[in-house]
Amino acid sequence: MWLKLGILLISFGASLYLKRRSFSYSLSLQDDKAIYSVKKIFYKNERRIYAYVFLIIVILFFTFAFYKTRQQFLLWQNNAPAMYLIPPYQDINYFLKYSFYVFFAKPIIALLAALIFLGLTKFFNRKFQERFFEPEEPYFGALSIFLVDYPGWLFYLVLLIFVYLIIHLSFAISHSSSAKKNRISLYYLWFPVAICVIIMQRWLELLPWWGLLKI
């Protein structure tokens, strides 16, 4: 839990810094065109860091899952009666099925959901010329979905939409004349909502829905 919260907090801080850099680049449009072009190229490459961050975090979490699998095998190997559930007393398939269910099932489901989300958001965002999201936002959402795990990412998406609608309605009421011209961005919501879901998980686990969805 704390590791996930730490990753999300660092990612949120980095996203704020990236957004501030974006603003500073927009202010330098009046600068020398050659200098601005170099800055723009550097900034586009800088945005790709979230793709690498997402990949590295996924690899780290699955590496840790393999490590826990190994530790579980060693624990069973040196303790009775658990030692009779692994070779040479039992076929290795039982242990593999157990390890997959305990250490890999939920991360794999969360990863599949994150990849589907990433693919769909990037496709439609590109199709509509980045009308919906900043280029790095799909990675914000994908990373958040993966870290809140299964079934937490289902609650995450529901809460994200709910918070967005509340903010949108509040803005529409307070800025009725300009509400149609301005689009409320999700940029600052991806990571904070994920943090809230992880913090609330101990209470979410008490809900009947959580029990039905839990593997």
C-alpha atoms as a PDB file:
ATOM      1  CA  MET A   1       0.000   0.000   0.000  1.00  0.00           C
ATOM      2  CA  TRP A   2       2.674   2.497   1.061  1.00  0.00           C
ATOM      3  CA  LEU A   3       4.820   1.743  -1.961  1.00  0.00           C
ATOM      4  CA  LYS A   4       1.876   2.379  -4.287  1.00  0.00           C
ATOM      5  CA  LEU A   5       1.019   5.614  -2.487  1.00  0.00           C
ATOM      6  CA  GLY A   6       4.621   6.740  -2.756  1.00  0.00           C
ATOM      7  CA  ILE A   7       4.725   6.042  -6.497  1.00  0.00           C
ATOM      8  CA  LEU A   8       1.451   7.895  -7.054  1.00  0.00           C
ATOM      9  CA  LEU A   9       2.539  10.897  -4.981  1.00  0.00           C
ATOM     10  CA  ILE A  10       5.846  11.146  -6.847  1.00  0.00           C
ATOM     11  CA  SER A  11       4.049  10.755 -10.170  1.00  0.00           C
ATOM     12  CA  PHE A  12       1.563  13.476  -9.238  1.00  0.00           C
ATOM     13  CA  GLY A  13       4.361  15.827  -8.269  1.00  0.00           C
ATOM     14  CA  ALA A  14       6.151  15.077 -11.541  1.00  0.00           C
ATOM     15  CA  SER A  15       2.943  15.705 -13.496  1.00  0.00           C
ATOM     16  CA  LEU A  16       2.592  19.139 -11.873  1.00  0.00           C
ATOM     17  CA  TYR A  17       6.178  19.923 -12.794  1.00  0.00           C
ATOM     18  CA  LEU A  18       5.585  18.728 -16.362  1.00  0.00           C
ATOM     19  CA  LYS A  19       2.492  20.906 -16.638  1.00  0.00           C
ATOM     20  CA  ARG A  20       4.429  23.911 -15.374  1.00  0.00           C
ATOM     21  CA  ARG A  21       7.120  23.243 -17.968  1.00  0.00           C
ATOM     22  CA  SER A  22       4.395  23.109 -20.624  1.00  0.00           C
ATOM     23  CA  PHE A  23       3.163  26.532 -19.527  1.00  0.00           C
ATOM     24  CA  SER A  24       6.666  27.974 -19.608  1.00  0.00           C
ATOM     25  CA  TYR A  25       7.140  26.716 -23.163  1.00  0.00           C
ATOM     26  CA  SER A  26       3.911  28.333 -24.274  1.00  0.00           C
ATOM     27  CA  LEU A  27       5.120  31.632 -22.844  1.00  0.00           C
ATOM     28  CA  SER A  28       8.304  31.433 -24.928  1.00  0.00           C
ATOM     29  CA  LEU A  29       6.533  31.412 -28.272  1.00  0.00           C
ATOM     30  CA  GLN A  30       7.846  34.898 -28.908  1.00  0.00           C
ATOM     31  CA  ASP A  31      11.432  33.713 -28.498  1.00  0.00           C
ATOM     32  CA  ASP A  32      13.780  32.936 -31.324  1.00  0.00           C
ATOM     33  CA  LYS A  33      12.154  30.233 -33.497  1.00  0.00           C
ATOM     34  CA  ALA A  34      15.254  28.044 -33.541  1.00  0.00           C
ATOM     35  CA  ILE A  35      15.498  28.089 -29.733  1.00  0.00           C
ATOM     36  CA  TYR A  36      11.795  27.404 -29.365  1.00  0.00           C
ATOM     37  CA  SER A  37      11.992  24.461 -31.783  1.00  0.00           C
ATOM     38  CA  VAL A  38      14.755  22.884 -29.713  1.00  0.00           C
ATOM     39  CA  LYS A  39      12.717  23.383 -26.543  1.00  0.00           C
ATOM     40  CA  LYS A  40       9.638  21.867 -28.159  1.00  0.00           C
ATOM     41  CA  ILE A  41      11.524  18.755 -29.313  1.00  0.00           C
ATOM     42  CA  PHE A  42      13.035  18.330 -25.852  1.00  0.00           C
ATOM     43  CA  TYR A  43       9.626  18.741 -24.217  1.00  0.00           C
ATOM     44  CA  LYS A  44       8.010  16.106 -26.458  1.00  0.00           C
ATOM     45  CA  ASN A  45      10.760  13.647 -25.542  1.00  0.00           C
ATOM     46  CA  GLU A  46      10.344  14.577 -21.887  1.00  0.00           C
ATOM     47  CA  ARG A  47       6.690  13.595 -22.030  1.00  0.00           C
ATOM     48  CA  ARG A  48       7.649  10.082 -23.089  1.00  0.00           C
ATOM     49  CA  ILE A  49       9.151   9.488 -19.687  1.00  0.00           C
ATOM     50  CA  TYR A  50       5.738   8.383 -18.416  1.00  0.00           C
ATOM     51  CA  ALA A  51       5.683   5.537 -20.932  1.00  0.00           C
ATOM     52  CA  TYR A  52       9.001   4.319 -19.533  1.00  0.00           C
ATOM     53  CA  VAL A  53       7.867   4.879 -15.952  1.00  0.00           C
ATOM     54  CA  PHE A  54       4.748   2.795 -16.582  1.00  0.00           C
ATOM     55  CA  LEU A  55       6.807  -0.019 -18.130  1.00  0.00           C
ATOM     56  CA  ILE A  56       9.413   0.004 -15.347  1.00  0.00           C
ATOM     57  CA  ILE A  57       6.776  -0.086 -12.589  1.00  0.00           C
ATOM     58  CA  VAL A  58       4.975  -3.006 -14.246  1.00  0.00           C
ATOM     59  CA  ILE A  59       8.255  -4.931 -14.548  1.00  0.00           C
ATOM     60  CA  LEU A  60       9.152  -4.188 -10.912  1.00  0.00           C
ATOM     61  CA  PHE A  61       5.787  -5.359  -9.588  1.00  0.00           C
ATOM     62  CA  PHE A  62       5.873  -8.603 -11.540  1.00  0.00           C
ATOM     63  CA  THR A  63       9.503  -9.172 -10.532  1.00  0.00           C
ATOM     64  CA  PHE A  64       8.382  -8.806  -6.925  1.00  0.00           C
ATOM     65  CA  ALA A  65       5.567 -11.301  -7.593  1.00  0.00           C
ATOM     66  CA  PHE A  66       8.136 -13.832  -8.818  1.00  0.00           C
ATOM     67  CA  TYR A  67      10.231 -13.129  -5.734  1.00  0.00           C
ATOM     68  CA  LYS A  68       7.245 -13.775  -3.450  1.00  0.00           C
ATOM     69  CA  THR A  69       6.552 -16.988  -5.353  1.00  0.00           C
ATOM     70  CA  ARG A  70      10.087 -18.180  -4.699  1.00  0.00           C
ATOM     71  CA  GLN A  71       9.857 -17.229  -1.026  1.00  0.00           C
ATOM     72  CA  GLN A  72       6.563 -19.092  -0.730  1.00  0.00           C
ATOM     73  CA  PHE A  73       8.126 -22.223  -2.217  1.00  0.00           C
ATOM     74  CA  LEU A  74      11.056 -22.053   0.223  1.00  0.00           C
ATOM     75  CA  LEU A  75       8.668 -21.515   3.118  1.00  0.00           C
ATOM     76  CA  TRP A  76       6.622 -24.570   2.202  1.00  0.00           C
ATOM     77  CA  GLN A  77       9.768 -26.592   1.557  1.00  0.00           C
ATOM     78  CA  ASN A  78      10.934 -26.131   5.138  1.00  0.00           C
ATOM     79  CA  ASN A  79       7.635 -26.483   6.953  1.00  0.00           C
ATOM     80  CA  ALA A  80       5.370 -29.447   7.511  1.00  0.00           C
ATOM     81  CA  PRO A  81       2.672 -30.184   6.475  1.00  0.00           C
ATOM     82  CA  ALA A  82       3.081 -27.586   3.673  1.00  0.00           C
ATOM     83  CA  MET A  83       6.123 -29.486   2.345  1.00  0.00           C
ATOM     84  CA  TYR A  84       3.782 -32.261   1.223  1.00  0.00           C
ATOM     85  CA  LEU A  85       2.073 -29.859  -1.213  1.00  0.00           C
ATOM     86  CA  ILE A  86       5.190 -29.457  -3.376  1.00  0.00           C
ATOM     87  CA  PRO A  87       7.572 -31.842  -5.154  1.00  0.00           C
ATOM     88  CA  PRO A  88       8.593 -34.544  -4.548  1.00  0.00           C
ATOM     89  CA  TYR A  89       5.390 -35.220  -2.583  1.00  0.00           C
ATOM     90  CA  GLN A  90       3.005 -33.315  -4.853  1.00  0.00           C
ATOM     91  CA  ASP A  91       2.971 -32.325  -8.505  1.00  0.00           C
ATOM     92  CA  ILE A  92       4.387 -28.825  -9.155  1.00  0.00           C
ATOM     93  CA  ASN A  93       1.135 -27.812 -10.895  1.00  0.00           C
ATOM     94  CA  TYR A  94      -0.604 -27.339  -7.547  1.00  0.00           C
ATOM     95  CA  PHE A  95       1.997 -24.846  -6.376  1.00  0.00           C
ATOM     96  CA  LEU A  96       1.989 -23.020  -9.722  1.00  0.00           C
ATOM     97  CA  LYS A  97      -1.802 -22.679  -9.648  1.00  0.00           C
ATOM     98  CA  TYR A  98      -1.676 -21.449  -6.048  1.00  0.00           C
ATOM     99  CA  SER A  99       1.065 -18.911  -6.828  1.00  0.00           C
ATOM    100  CA  PHE A 100      -0.748 -17.629  -9.894  1.00  0.00           C
ATOM    101  CA  TYR A 101      -3.968 -17.155  -7.957  1.00  0.00           C
ATOM    102  CA  VAL A 102      -2.309 -15.456  -4.969  1.00  0.00           C
ATOM    103  CA  PHE A 103       0.487 -13.395  -6.563  1.00  0.00           C
ATOM    104  CA  PHE A 104      -0.309 -12.894 -10.256  1.00  0.00           C
ATOM    105  CA  ALA A 105      -4.061 -12.995 -10.967  1.00  0.00           C
ATOM    106  CA  LYS A 106      -4.986  -9.512  -9.721  1.00  0.00           C
ATOM    107  CA  PRO A 107      -1.939  -7.710 -11.195  1.00  0.00           C
ATOM    108  CA  ILE A 108      -2.538  -9.375 -14.567  1.00  0.00           C
ATOM    109  CA  ILE A 109      -6.204  -8.291 -14.598  1.00  0.00           C
ATOM    110  CA  ALA A 110      -5.182  -4.761 -13.589  1.00  0.00           C
ATOM    111  CA  LEU A 111      -2.477  -4.695 -16.278  1.00  0.00           C
ATOM    112  CA  LEU A 112      -4.927  -5.838 -18.973  1.00  0.00           C
ATOM    113  CA  ALA A 113      -7.385  -3.130 -17.892  1.00  0.00           C
ATOM    114  CA  ALA A 114      -4.596  -0.534 -17.923  1.00  0.00           C
ATOM    115  CA  LEU A 115      -3.429  -1.559 -21.410  1.00  0.00           C
ATOM    116  CA  ILE A 116      -6.971  -1.503 -22.790  1.00  0.00           C
ATOM    117  CA  PHE A 117      -7.515   1.932 -21.253  1.00  0.00           C
ATOM    118  CA  LEU A 118      -4.177   3.143 -22.613  1.00  0.00           C
ATOM    119  CA  GLY A 119      -4.889   1.883 -26.119  1.00  0.00           C
ATOM    120  CA  LEU A 120      -8.421   3.298 -26.305  1.00  0.00           C
ATOM    121  CA  THR A 121      -7.561   6.726 -24.885  1.00  0.00           C
ATOM    122  CA  LYS A 122      -4.514   7.131 -27.124  1.00  0.00           C
ATOM    123  CA  PHE A 123      -6.474   6.018 -30.192  1.00  0.00           C
ATOM    124  CA  PHE A 124      -9.414   8.383 -29.676  1.00  0.00           C
ATOM    125  CA  ASN A 125      -7.202  11.223 -28.481  1.00  0.00           C
ATOM    126  CA  ARG A 126      -5.089  10.936 -31.624  1.00  0.00           C
ATOM    127  CA  LYS A 127      -8.177  10.590 -33.809  1.00  0.00           C
ATOM    128  CA  PHE A 128      -9.655  13.821 -32.438  1.00  0.00           C
ATOM    129  CA  GLN A 129      -6.321  15.700 -32.436  1.00  0.00           C
ATOM    130  CA  GLU A 130      -5.726  15.595 -28.662  1.00  0.00           C
ATOM    131  CA  ARG A 131      -9.087  17.131 -27.944  1.00  0.00           C
ATOM    132  CA  PHE A 132      -9.732  15.077 -24.809  1.00  0.00           C
ATOM    133  CA  PHE A 133      -6.376  14.611 -23.078  1.00  0.00           C
ATOM    134  CA  GLU A 134      -2.849  15.896 -22.923  1.00  0.00           C
ATOM    135  CA  PRO A 135      -0.505  13.372 -24.607  1.00  0.00           C
ATOM    136  CA  GLU A 136       0.775  12.077 -21.262  1.00  0.00           C
ATOM    137  CA  GLU A 137      -2.639  11.689 -19.604  1.00  0.00           C
ATOM    138  CA  PRO A 138      -3.386   8.169 -20.935  1.00  0.00           C
ATOM    139  CA  TYR A 139      -0.258   7.020 -19.098  1.00  0.00           C
ATOM    140  CA  PHE A 140      -1.474   8.758 -15.932  1.00  0.00           C
ATOM    141  CA  GLY A 141      -4.699   6.776 -16.101  1.00  0.00           C
ATOM    142  CA  ALA A 142      -3.022   3.500 -17.055  1.00  0.00           C
ATOM    143  CA  LEU A 143      -0.504   3.767 -14.220  1.00  0.00           C
ATOM    144  CA  SER A 144      -3.265   4.602 -11.737  1.00  0.00           C
ATOM    145  CA  ILE A 145      -5.413   1.672 -12.880  1.00  0.00           C
ATOM    146  CA  PHE A 146      -2.496  -0.733 -12.526  1.00  0.00           C
ATOM    147  CA  LEU A 147      -1.532   0.507  -9.065  1.00  0.00           C
ATOM    148  CA  VAL A 148      -5.028   0.479  -7.546  1.00  0.00           C
ATOM    149  CA  ASP A 149      -5.145  -3.173  -8.641  1.00  0.00           C
ATOM    150  CA  TYR A 150      -8.226  -5.356  -9.108  1.00  0.00           C
ATOM    151  CA  PRO A 151     -11.028  -4.802  -8.199  1.00  0.00           C
ATOM    152  CA  GLY A 152      -9.939  -1.353  -7.039  1.00  0.00           C
ATOM    153  CA  TRP A 153      -9.648   0.032 -10.568  1.00  0.00           C
ATOM    154  CA  LEU A 154     -13.399  -0.430 -11.086  1.00  0.00           C
ATOM    155  CA  PHE A 155     -14.109   1.833  -8.110  1.00  0.00           C
ATOM    156  CA  TYR A 156     -11.365   4.165  -9.303  1.00  0.00           C
ATOM    157  CA  LEU A 157     -13.028   4.741 -12.680  1.00  0.00           C
ATOM    158  CA  VAL A 158     -16.434   5.262 -11.058  1.00  0.00           C
ATOM    159  CA  LEU A 159     -15.025   7.747  -8.538  1.00  0.00           C
ATOM    160  CA  LEU A 160     -13.025   9.520 -11.244  1.00  0.00           C
ATOM    161  CA  ILE A 161     -16.129  10.057 -13.385  1.00  0.00           C
ATOM    162  CA  PHE A 162     -18.135  11.133 -10.336  1.00  0.00           C
ATOM    163  CA  VAL A 163     -15.551  13.709  -9.221  1.00  0.00           C
ATOM    164  CA  TYR A 164     -15.197  14.994 -12.779  1.00  0.00           C
ATOM    165  CA  LEU A 165     -18.977  15.462 -13.109  1.00  0.00           C
ATOM    166  CA  ILE A 166     -19.163  17.272  -9.781  1.00  0.00           C
ATOM    167  CA  ILE A 167     -16.379  19.662 -10.825  1.00  0.00           C
ATOM    168  CA  HIS A 168     -17.905  20.117 -14.267  1.00  0.00           C
ATOM    169  CA  LEU A 169     -21.358  20.914 -12.849  1.00  0.00           C
ATOM    170  CA  SER A 170     -19.878  23.288 -10.276  1.00  0.00           C
ATOM    171  CA  PHE A 171     -17.938  25.094 -12.974  1.00  0.00           C
ATOM    172  CA  ALA A 172     -20.982  25.225 -15.249  1.00  0.00           C
ATOM    173  CA  ILE A 173     -23.075  26.796 -12.492  1.00  0.00           C
ATOM    174  CA  SER A 174     -20.464  29.337 -11.420  1.00  0.00           C
ATOM    175  CA  HIS A 175     -19.306  30.169 -14.975  1.00  0.00           C
ATOM    176  CA  SER A 176     -22.486  29.745 -16.983  1.00  0.00           C
ATOM    177  CA  SER A 177     -21.389  32.193 -19.690  1.00  0.00           C
ATOM    178  CA  SER A 178     -18.067  30.479 -20.436  1.00  0.00           C
ATOM    179  CA  ALA A 179     -18.837  26.857 -19.486  1.00  0.00           C
ATOM    180  CA  LYS A 180     -19.439  25.813 -23.087  1.00  0.00           C
ATOM    181  CA  LYS A 181     -16.175  27.337 -24.270  1.00  0.00           C
ATOM    182  CA  ASN A 182     -13.951  25.774 -21.593  1.00  0.00           C
ATOM    183  CA  ARG A 183     -13.226  22.086 -21.130  1.00  0.00           C
ATOM    184  CA  ILE A 184     -12.588  20.793 -17.627  1.00  0.00           C
ATOM    185  CA  SER A 185      -9.416  18.711 -17.699  1.00  0.00           C
ATOM    186  CA  LEU A 186      -8.808  15.446 -15.889  1.00  0.00           C
ATOM    187  CA  TYR A 187      -5.104  16.245 -15.754  1.00  0.00           C
ATOM    188  CA  TYR A 188      -5.064  16.973 -12.026  1.00  0.00           C
ATOM    189  CA  LEU A 189      -7.455  14.169 -11.059  1.00  0.00           C
ATOM    190  CA  TRP A 190      -5.818  10.917 -12.275  1.00  0.00           C
ATOM    191  CA  PHE A 191      -3.348  10.482  -9.429  1.00  0.00           C
ATOM    192  CA  PRO A 192      -5.244  12.126  -6.511  1.00  0.00           C
ATOM    193  CA  VAL A 193      -8.327   9.955  -7.137  1.00  0.00           C
ATOM    194  CA  ALA A 194      -6.125   6.842  -7.279  1.00  0.00           C
ATOM    195  CA  ILE A 195      -4.535   7.858  -3.976  1.00  0.00           C
ATOM    196  CA  CYS A 196      -8.002   8.267  -2.432  1.00  0.00           C
ATOM    197  CA  VAL A 197      -9.092   4.806  -3.626  1.00  0.00           C
ATOM    198  CA  ILE A 198      -6.005   3.133  -2.138  1.00  0.00           C
ATOM    199  CA  ILE A 199      -6.496   4.954   1.176  1.00  0.00           C
ATOM    200  CA  MET A 200     -10.202   4.024   1.243  1.00  0.00           C
ATOM    201  CA  GLN A 201      -9.564   0.403   0.269  1.00  0.00           C
ATOM    202  CA  ARG A 202      -9.927  -0.962   3.813  1.00  0.00           C
ATOM    203  CA  TRP A 203     -13.465   0.463   3.899  1.00  0.00           C
ATOM    204  CA  LEU A 204     -14.244  -0.474   0.302  1.00  0.00           C
ATOM    205  CA  GLU A 205     -13.404  -4.087   1.143  1.00  0.00           C
ATOM    206  CA  LEU A 206     -16.373  -4.104   3.521  1.00  0.00           C
ATOM    207  CA  LEU A 207     -18.809  -3.425   0.665  1.00  0.00           C
ATOM    208  CA  PRO A 208     -20.745  -6.420  -0.723  1.00  0.00           C
ATOM    209  CA  TRP A 209     -19.705  -5.444  -4.280  1.00  0.00           C
ATOM    210  CA  TRP A 210     -16.048  -5.791  -3.377  1.00  0.00           C
ATOM    211  CA  GLY A 211     -16.613  -9.313  -2.093  1.00  0.00           C
ATOM    212  CA  LEU A 212     -18.420 -10.290  -5.289  1.00  0.00           C
ATOM    213  CA  LEU A 213     -15.641  -8.944  -7.521  1.00  0.00           C
ATOM    214  CA  LYS A 214     -12.722 -10.162  -5.449  1.00  0.00           C
ATOM    215  CA  ILE A 215     -10.821 -13.153  -6.793  1.00  0.00           C
END
